[in-house]
N, C-alpha and C. Protein backbone atom coordinates (compact mmCIF):
# COMPACT_ATOMS: atom_id res chain seq x y z
N MET A 1 0.75 -1.21 0.03
CA MET A 1 0.11 0.13 -0.02
C MET A 1 0.94 1.43 -0.07
N ILE A 2 1.95 1.05 0.67
CA ILE A 2 3.05 2.40 0.63
C ILE A 2 3.37 2.93 -0.86
N ASN A 3 3.14 2.04 -1.94
CA ASN A 3 3.42 2.23 -3.30
C ASN A 3 2.30 3.26 -3.87
N ALA A 4 1.22 3.48 -3.23
CA ALA A 4 0.20 4.47 -3.65
C ALA A 4 0.20 5.79 -2.68
N LEU A 5 1.33 5.94 -2.00
CA LEU A 5 1.52 7.07 -1.22
C LEU A 5 1.84 8.40 -1.96
N GLN A 6 1.16 9.27 -1.54
CA GLN A 6 1.59 10.59 -2.07
C GLN A 6 1.75 11.50 -1.06
N ILE A 7 2.98 12.45 -0.97
CA ILE A 7 3.29 13.41 -0.11
C ILE A 7 3.15 14.73 -0.69
N LYS A 8 2.46 15.55 -0.36
CA LYS A 8 2.29 16.69 -0.95
C LYS A 8 1.79 17.93 -0.21
N LYS A 9 2.21 19.25 -0.41
CA LYS A 9 1.77 20.37 0.50
C LYS A 9 0.35 20.52 0.55
N ALA A 10 -0.15 20.88 2.03
CA ALA A 10 -1.58 20.96 1.96
C ALA A 10 -1.75 22.38 1.52
N ASN A 11 -3.34 22.35 1.29
CA ASN A 11 -3.71 23.77 0.69
C ASN A 11 -5.06 23.82 1.43
N PHE A 12 -5.93 24.88 1.16
CA PHE A 12 -7.18 25.16 1.96
C PHE A 12 -8.08 23.99 1.34
N SER A 13 -8.26 23.42 0.26
CA SER A 13 -8.98 22.25 0.06
C SER A 13 -8.84 21.08 0.82
N ASP A 14 -7.68 20.99 1.30
CA ASP A 14 -7.32 19.59 2.19
C ASP A 14 -7.94 19.93 3.71
N VAL A 15 -8.56 20.92 4.08
CA VAL A 15 -8.83 21.16 5.56
C VAL A 15 -9.73 20.06 5.94
N GLU A 16 -10.77 19.87 5.02
CA GLU A 16 -11.82 18.94 5.40
C GLU A 16 -11.13 17.44 5.94
N GLY A 17 -10.11 17.06 4.76
CA GLY A 17 -9.60 15.73 5.01
C GLY A 17 -8.45 15.86 6.32
N ILE A 18 -7.82 16.77 6.63
CA ILE A 18 -7.08 16.87 7.77
C ILE A 18 -7.95 16.93 8.91
N TYR A 19 -9.05 17.46 8.86
CA TYR A 19 -9.93 17.38 9.96
C TYR A 19 -10.59 16.21 10.20
N ASN A 20 -10.75 15.36 9.30
CA ASN A 20 -11.28 13.76 9.41
C ASN A 20 -10.05 13.16 9.88
N LEU A 21 -8.97 13.41 9.42
CA LEU A 21 -7.83 12.65 10.00
C LEU A 21 -7.72 12.78 11.75
N TYR A 22 -7.76 14.18 11.98
CA TYR A 22 -7.80 14.34 13.39
C TYR A 22 -9.01 13.78 13.98
N ASN A 23 -10.10 13.87 13.37
CA ASN A 23 -11.30 13.37 14.25
C ASN A 23 -11.17 12.09 14.34
N SER A 24 -10.47 11.25 13.63
CA SER A 24 -10.44 9.66 13.64
C SER A 24 -9.41 9.25 14.73
N LEU A 25 -8.91 10.21 15.39
CA LEU A 25 -7.78 9.98 16.49
C LEU A 25 -8.48 9.57 17.85
N SER A 26 -7.89 8.45 18.63
CA SER A 26 -8.28 8.32 19.78
C SER A 26 -8.08 9.49 20.68
N PRO A 27 -8.53 9.75 21.99
CA PRO A 27 -7.99 10.64 22.98
C PRO A 27 -6.41 10.39 23.22
N ASP A 28 -6.11 9.16 23.13
CA ASP A 28 -4.74 9.03 23.49
C ASP A 28 -3.60 9.35 22.31
N ASP A 29 -4.19 9.33 21.14
CA ASP A 29 -3.34 9.80 20.02
C ASP A 29 -3.46 11.38 19.92
N LEU A 30 -4.62 12.03 20.20
CA LEU A 30 -4.44 13.40 20.49
C LEU A 30 -3.69 14.03 21.51
N TYR A 31 -3.54 13.38 22.56
CA TYR A 31 -2.67 13.69 23.60
C TYR A 31 -1.25 13.61 23.12
N MET A 32 -0.74 12.60 22.49
CA MET A 32 0.34 12.27 21.93
C MET A 32 1.05 13.45 20.99
N ARG A 33 -0.12 13.95 20.22
CA ARG A 33 0.10 15.19 19.29
C ARG A 33 -0.01 16.38 19.71
N PHE A 34 -0.76 16.62 20.70
CA PHE A 34 -1.00 17.91 21.22
C PHE A 34 -0.61 18.17 22.90
N PHE A 35 -0.29 17.11 23.42
CA PHE A 35 -0.14 17.23 24.79
C PHE A 35 -1.66 17.54 25.74
N SER A 36 -2.75 17.32 24.75
CA SER A 36 -3.74 17.68 25.51
C SER A 36 -5.07 16.63 24.79
N PHE A 37 -6.17 16.45 25.42
CA PHE A 37 -7.26 15.63 24.70
C PHE A 37 -8.20 16.30 23.90
N LYS A 38 -7.85 17.74 23.57
CA LYS A 38 -8.81 18.42 22.76
C LYS A 38 -9.18 18.02 21.36
N ARG A 39 -10.43 17.90 21.11
CA ARG A 39 -10.67 17.65 19.92
C ARG A 39 -10.71 18.80 18.97
N LEU A 40 -10.16 18.79 17.81
CA LEU A 40 -10.18 20.01 16.80
C LEU A 40 -11.48 20.14 16.01
N SER A 41 -11.82 21.61 15.85
CA SER A 41 -12.90 21.99 15.10
C SER A 41 -12.11 22.08 13.67
N GLU A 42 -13.03 22.35 12.62
CA GLU A 42 -12.45 22.70 11.37
C GLU A 42 -11.78 24.09 11.47
N GLN A 43 -12.28 24.75 12.09
CA GLN A 43 -11.54 26.28 12.47
C GLN A 43 -10.14 26.17 13.01
N ASP A 44 -9.98 25.04 13.80
CA ASP A 44 -8.74 24.88 14.50
C ASP A 44 -7.68 24.28 13.50
N VAL A 45 -8.28 23.50 12.51
CA VAL A 45 -7.52 22.80 11.50
C VAL A 45 -6.99 24.16 10.50
N VAL A 46 -7.85 24.84 10.27
CA VAL A 46 -7.59 25.97 9.43
C VAL A 46 -6.42 26.75 10.24
N ASN A 47 -6.65 27.19 11.41
CA ASN A 47 -5.60 27.92 11.97
C ASN A 47 -4.44 27.05 12.19
N LEU A 48 -4.49 25.89 12.14
CA LEU A 48 -3.06 24.94 12.35
C LEU A 48 -2.32 24.96 11.11
N THR A 49 -3.06 25.15 10.00
CA THR A 49 -2.29 25.20 8.78
C THR A 49 -2.03 26.69 8.47
N LYS A 50 -2.46 27.51 8.81
CA LYS A 50 -2.23 28.83 8.71
C LYS A 50 -1.05 29.25 9.62
N SER A 51 -0.94 28.74 10.71
CA SER A 51 0.22 29.05 11.67
C SER A 51 1.70 28.16 11.38
N SER A 52 1.48 27.27 10.42
CA SER A 52 2.69 26.63 10.24
C SER A 52 3.37 27.15 8.95
N LYS A 53 4.56 27.12 8.88
CA LYS A 53 5.45 27.66 7.62
C LYS A 53 5.24 26.69 6.68
N VAL A 54 4.98 25.36 6.82
CA VAL A 54 4.61 24.49 5.69
C VAL A 54 3.95 23.28 6.54
N THR A 55 2.81 22.89 5.60
CA THR A 55 2.22 21.54 6.28
C THR A 55 2.13 20.59 5.11
N LEU A 56 2.54 19.28 5.26
CA LEU A 56 2.68 18.49 4.38
C LEU A 56 1.53 17.30 4.63
N ILE A 57 0.94 16.63 3.63
CA ILE A 57 -0.16 15.71 3.93
C ILE A 57 0.56 14.40 3.13
N ALA A 58 0.20 13.24 3.93
CA ALA A 58 0.31 11.92 3.28
C ALA A 58 -1.08 11.48 2.69
N VAL A 59 -1.15 11.10 1.54
CA VAL A 59 -2.41 10.61 0.66
C VAL A 59 -2.26 9.23 0.15
N ILE A 60 -3.29 8.51 0.36
CA ILE A 60 -3.46 7.18 -0.06
C ILE A 60 -5.08 7.13 -0.58
N ASP A 61 -5.04 6.87 -2.00
CA ASP A 61 -6.36 6.67 -2.53
C ASP A 61 -7.33 7.87 -2.10
N SER A 62 -6.64 9.20 -2.20
CA SER A 62 -7.51 10.32 -1.81
C SER A 62 -7.79 10.77 -0.51
N GLU A 63 -7.37 9.70 0.35
CA GLU A 63 -7.58 10.02 1.83
C GLU A 63 -6.33 10.34 2.64
N ILE A 64 -6.52 11.51 3.31
CA ILE A 64 -5.25 12.12 4.00
C ILE A 64 -5.20 11.04 5.30
N VAL A 65 -3.93 10.41 5.23
CA VAL A 65 -3.78 9.37 6.42
C VAL A 65 -2.44 9.95 7.19
N GLY A 66 -1.96 11.19 6.85
CA GLY A 66 -0.91 11.66 7.91
C GLY A 66 -0.63 13.28 7.62
N GLU A 67 -0.15 13.94 8.51
CA GLU A 67 -0.12 15.38 8.59
C GLU A 67 1.18 15.46 9.08
N ILE A 68 1.99 16.63 8.81
CA ILE A 68 3.08 17.20 9.36
C ILE A 68 3.03 18.47 9.18
N SER A 69 3.33 19.45 10.34
CA SER A 69 3.77 20.98 10.00
C SER A 69 4.76 21.40 10.79
N LEU A 70 5.77 22.24 10.06
CA LEU A 70 6.77 22.78 10.39
C LEU A 70 6.47 24.30 10.70
N TYR A 71 6.98 24.65 11.87
CA TYR A 71 6.99 26.05 12.37
C TYR A 71 8.01 26.90 12.24
N ASP A 72 7.94 28.21 12.26
CA ASP A 72 8.88 29.20 11.97
C ASP A 72 10.21 28.82 12.97
N ASP A 73 10.13 28.30 14.18
CA ASP A 73 11.20 28.03 14.77
C ASP A 73 12.00 26.74 14.71
N GLY A 74 11.61 26.08 13.63
CA GLY A 74 11.89 24.65 13.32
C GLY A 74 11.31 23.46 13.79
N GLU A 75 10.30 23.72 14.81
CA GLU A 75 9.75 22.48 15.44
C GLU A 75 8.50 22.09 14.38
N PHE A 76 8.41 20.65 14.43
CA PHE A 76 7.44 20.22 13.76
C PHE A 76 6.66 19.03 14.51
N SER A 77 5.52 18.86 14.06
CA SER A 77 4.47 18.06 14.68
C SER A 77 4.02 17.16 13.53
N LEU A 78 3.57 15.78 13.98
CA LEU A 78 3.47 14.74 13.08
C LEU A 78 2.10 13.96 13.57
N VAL A 79 1.37 13.49 12.67
CA VAL A 79 0.49 12.40 13.01
C VAL A 79 0.01 11.68 11.84
N VAL A 80 -0.09 10.18 12.12
CA VAL A 80 -0.47 9.31 11.11
C VAL A 80 -1.45 8.63 11.61
N LYS A 81 -2.55 8.40 10.81
CA LYS A 81 -3.90 7.69 11.09
C LYS A 81 -3.35 6.36 11.53
N PRO A 82 -4.07 5.83 12.84
CA PRO A 82 -3.58 4.53 13.32
C PRO A 82 -3.67 3.44 12.55
N GLU A 83 -4.48 3.04 11.50
CA GLU A 83 -4.49 1.92 10.79
C GLU A 83 -3.29 1.87 9.81
N HIS A 84 -2.75 3.08 9.56
CA HIS A 84 -1.50 3.30 8.41
C HIS A 84 -0.22 3.51 9.17
N ARG A 85 -0.06 3.34 10.51
CA ARG A 85 1.32 3.07 11.05
C ARG A 85 1.78 2.06 11.04
N ARG A 86 3.32 1.92 11.10
CA ARG A 86 4.14 1.05 11.08
C ARG A 86 4.56 0.55 9.53
N LYS A 87 4.13 1.54 8.72
CA LYS A 87 4.40 1.33 7.37
C LYS A 87 5.39 2.43 6.68
N GLY A 88 6.22 3.15 7.80
CA GLY A 88 6.98 3.95 7.14
C GLY A 88 6.69 5.46 6.56
N ILE A 89 5.24 5.81 6.68
CA ILE A 89 4.62 6.98 6.49
C ILE A 89 5.01 8.04 7.48
N GLY A 90 5.23 7.78 8.50
CA GLY A 90 5.59 8.85 9.52
C GLY A 90 7.19 9.39 8.95
N THR A 91 8.10 8.37 8.86
CA THR A 91 9.35 8.64 8.55
C THR A 91 9.54 9.31 7.22
N LEU A 92 8.76 9.03 6.23
CA LEU A 92 8.68 9.54 5.08
C LEU A 92 8.31 11.05 5.09
N LEU A 93 7.34 11.34 6.03
CA LEU A 93 6.74 12.89 6.26
C LEU A 93 7.94 13.54 6.91
N VAL A 94 8.56 12.83 7.95
CA VAL A 94 9.70 13.86 8.55
C VAL A 94 10.81 14.03 7.46
N LYS A 95 11.39 12.97 6.85
CA LYS A 95 12.14 13.15 5.72
C LYS A 95 11.89 14.36 4.74
N SER A 96 10.60 14.45 4.44
CA SER A 96 10.02 15.54 3.43
C SER A 96 10.07 16.73 4.17
N ILE A 97 9.79 16.99 5.34
CA ILE A 97 9.79 18.24 6.15
C ILE A 97 11.16 18.65 6.37
N ILE A 98 12.10 17.63 6.59
CA ILE A 98 13.65 18.11 6.55
C ILE A 98 13.87 18.77 5.25
N GLU A 99 13.71 18.18 4.18
CA GLU A 99 13.92 18.76 2.92
C GLU A 99 13.22 20.23 2.81
N GLU A 100 11.93 20.17 3.10
CA GLU A 100 11.42 21.76 2.99
C GLU A 100 12.03 22.56 3.95
N ALA A 101 12.62 22.19 5.26
CA ALA A 101 13.16 22.95 6.06
C ALA A 101 14.53 23.41 5.32
N LYS A 102 15.26 22.58 4.87
CA LYS A 102 16.52 23.09 3.94
C LYS A 102 16.23 24.03 2.84
N LYS A 103 15.01 23.67 2.10
CA LYS A 103 14.79 24.69 0.99
C LYS A 103 14.52 26.02 1.51
N LEU A 104 14.05 26.17 2.71
CA LEU A 104 13.66 27.45 3.40
C LEU A 104 14.91 28.09 4.14
N GLY A 105 16.02 27.28 4.03
CA GLY A 105 17.04 27.89 4.62
C GLY A 105 17.19 27.73 6.25
N MET A 106 16.33 26.76 6.73
CA MET A 106 16.43 26.70 8.21
C MET A 106 17.67 25.91 8.53
N THR A 107 18.14 26.21 9.84
CA THR A 107 19.42 25.65 10.24
C THR A 107 19.13 24.44 11.07
N LYS A 108 17.85 24.11 11.52
CA LYS A 108 17.85 23.04 12.29
C LYS A 108 15.90 22.65 12.35
N VAL A 109 15.85 21.35 12.46
CA VAL A 109 14.33 20.97 13.02
C VAL A 109 14.46 20.41 14.27
N LYS A 110 13.20 20.42 14.95
CA LYS A 110 13.29 19.88 16.10
C LYS A 110 11.72 19.29 16.34
N PHE A 111 11.56 18.59 17.45
CA PHE A 111 10.24 18.15 17.99
C PHE A 111 10.40 17.59 19.43
N TYR A 112 9.14 17.91 20.02
CA TYR A 112 9.04 17.31 21.58
C TYR A 112 8.00 16.31 21.25
N THR A 113 8.18 15.51 22.33
CA THR A 113 7.16 14.26 22.56
C THR A 113 7.14 13.64 23.93
N LEU A 114 6.30 12.82 23.99
CA LEU A 114 6.15 12.36 25.26
C LEU A 114 7.05 10.94 25.47
N PRO A 115 7.47 10.45 26.39
CA PRO A 115 8.37 9.56 26.62
C PRO A 115 7.65 8.11 26.31
N ASP A 116 6.41 8.05 26.11
CA ASP A 116 5.69 6.90 25.83
C ASP A 116 5.46 6.70 24.01
N ASN A 117 5.68 7.99 23.39
CA ASN A 117 5.51 8.03 22.10
C ASN A 117 6.95 7.13 21.35
N ILE A 118 6.98 5.94 21.65
CA ILE A 118 8.14 5.22 20.92
C ILE A 118 8.18 5.24 19.72
N PRO A 119 7.35 5.25 18.58
CA PRO A 119 7.28 5.49 17.17
C PRO A 119 8.17 6.70 17.00
N MET A 120 7.71 7.78 17.45
CA MET A 120 8.24 9.14 17.10
C MET A 120 9.88 9.03 17.65
N ILE A 121 10.09 8.55 18.59
CA ILE A 121 11.59 8.38 19.16
C ILE A 121 12.14 7.78 18.26
N LYS A 122 11.66 6.43 17.85
CA LYS A 122 12.36 5.71 16.86
C LYS A 122 12.69 6.46 15.70
N ILE A 123 11.64 7.25 15.11
CA ILE A 123 11.85 8.03 13.63
C ILE A 123 13.04 8.87 14.11
N GLY A 124 12.94 9.67 15.22
CA GLY A 124 14.11 10.41 15.50
C GLY A 124 15.59 9.76 15.55
N LYS A 125 15.50 8.68 16.08
CA LYS A 125 16.88 8.03 16.24
C LYS A 125 17.23 7.54 14.73
N LYS A 126 16.35 7.03 14.01
CA LYS A 126 16.66 6.54 12.79
C LYS A 126 17.34 7.77 11.83
N LEU A 127 16.62 8.73 12.05
CA LEU A 127 17.08 10.01 11.09
C LEU A 127 18.05 10.94 11.60
N GLY A 128 18.83 10.36 12.61
CA GLY A 128 19.91 11.15 13.38
C GLY A 128 19.64 12.34 13.95
N PHE A 129 18.58 12.48 14.67
CA PHE A 129 18.04 13.37 15.70
C PHE A 129 19.01 13.29 17.05
N THR A 130 19.32 14.30 17.69
CA THR A 130 20.00 14.16 19.04
C THR A 130 18.83 14.24 19.81
N LEU A 131 18.61 13.30 20.79
CA LEU A 131 17.61 13.24 21.61
C LEU A 131 18.05 13.38 23.02
N ARG A 132 17.19 14.25 23.64
CA ARG A 132 17.33 14.48 25.10
C ARG A 132 16.13 13.90 25.79
N PHE A 133 16.21 13.11 26.92
CA PHE A 133 15.13 12.63 27.60
C PHE A 133 15.10 13.42 29.08
N SER A 134 13.66 13.44 29.31
CA SER A 134 13.54 14.11 30.78
C SER A 134 12.34 13.01 31.06
N SER A 135 11.81 13.29 32.36
CA SER A 135 10.79 12.35 33.00
C SER A 135 9.41 12.68 32.26
N ASP A 136 9.37 13.90 31.77
CA ASP A 136 7.87 14.19 31.07
C ASP A 136 8.13 14.57 29.59
N GLU A 137 9.06 14.70 28.89
CA GLU A 137 9.15 14.80 27.50
C GLU A 137 10.57 14.53 26.99
N VAL A 138 10.53 14.08 25.71
CA VAL A 138 11.72 14.00 24.87
C VAL A 138 11.73 14.87 23.75
N PHE A 139 13.07 15.49 23.87
CA PHE A 139 13.21 16.62 22.81
C PHE A 139 14.25 16.21 21.81
N GLY A 140 13.75 16.29 20.31
CA GLY A 140 14.91 15.84 19.42
C GLY A 140 15.09 17.09 18.60
N ILE A 141 16.69 17.10 18.07
CA ILE A 141 16.99 18.04 17.27
C ILE A 141 17.79 17.72 16.32
N LEU A 142 17.74 18.28 14.98
CA LEU A 142 18.63 17.82 13.92
C LEU A 142 19.18 19.10 13.29
N SER A 143 20.48 19.32 13.33
CA SER A 143 20.91 20.34 12.41
C SER A 143 21.28 20.09 11.06
N LEU A 144 20.84 21.12 10.31
CA LEU A 144 20.67 21.06 8.78
C LEU A 144 21.88 21.58 8.05
N GLN A 145 22.86 22.03 9.07
CA GLN A 145 24.09 22.56 8.21
C GLN A 145 25.08 21.77 8.15
């Protein structure tokens, strides 16, 4: 199924699909992404995509199955629909956002996650991020220079 995957920049016409992606997440998934249990409204999704420097989406058969947003300070956030995890989609999204950050002349990318978010920690390790662990969060940073 990964062969049918398309990674592209999100635009306004993708808001409904991104909203559906977030609406499909469990409370635990939302907590891993936002560090809160808040459900997003469509306006929240519009604001999310507007506040990011770049938002990329992963699409399979016209369904948005993943989203990654990069912000001005180099921080990014990532989510992949549960039934599409462990297929490399998250890794491809992070690799793609790293390339976008390089094109924008950014010097680093970084992420924060919870210690329980083992898939994100594994992606960070696999892609060469320096990881710093504390009791309540994991910080990953990658120099682009």
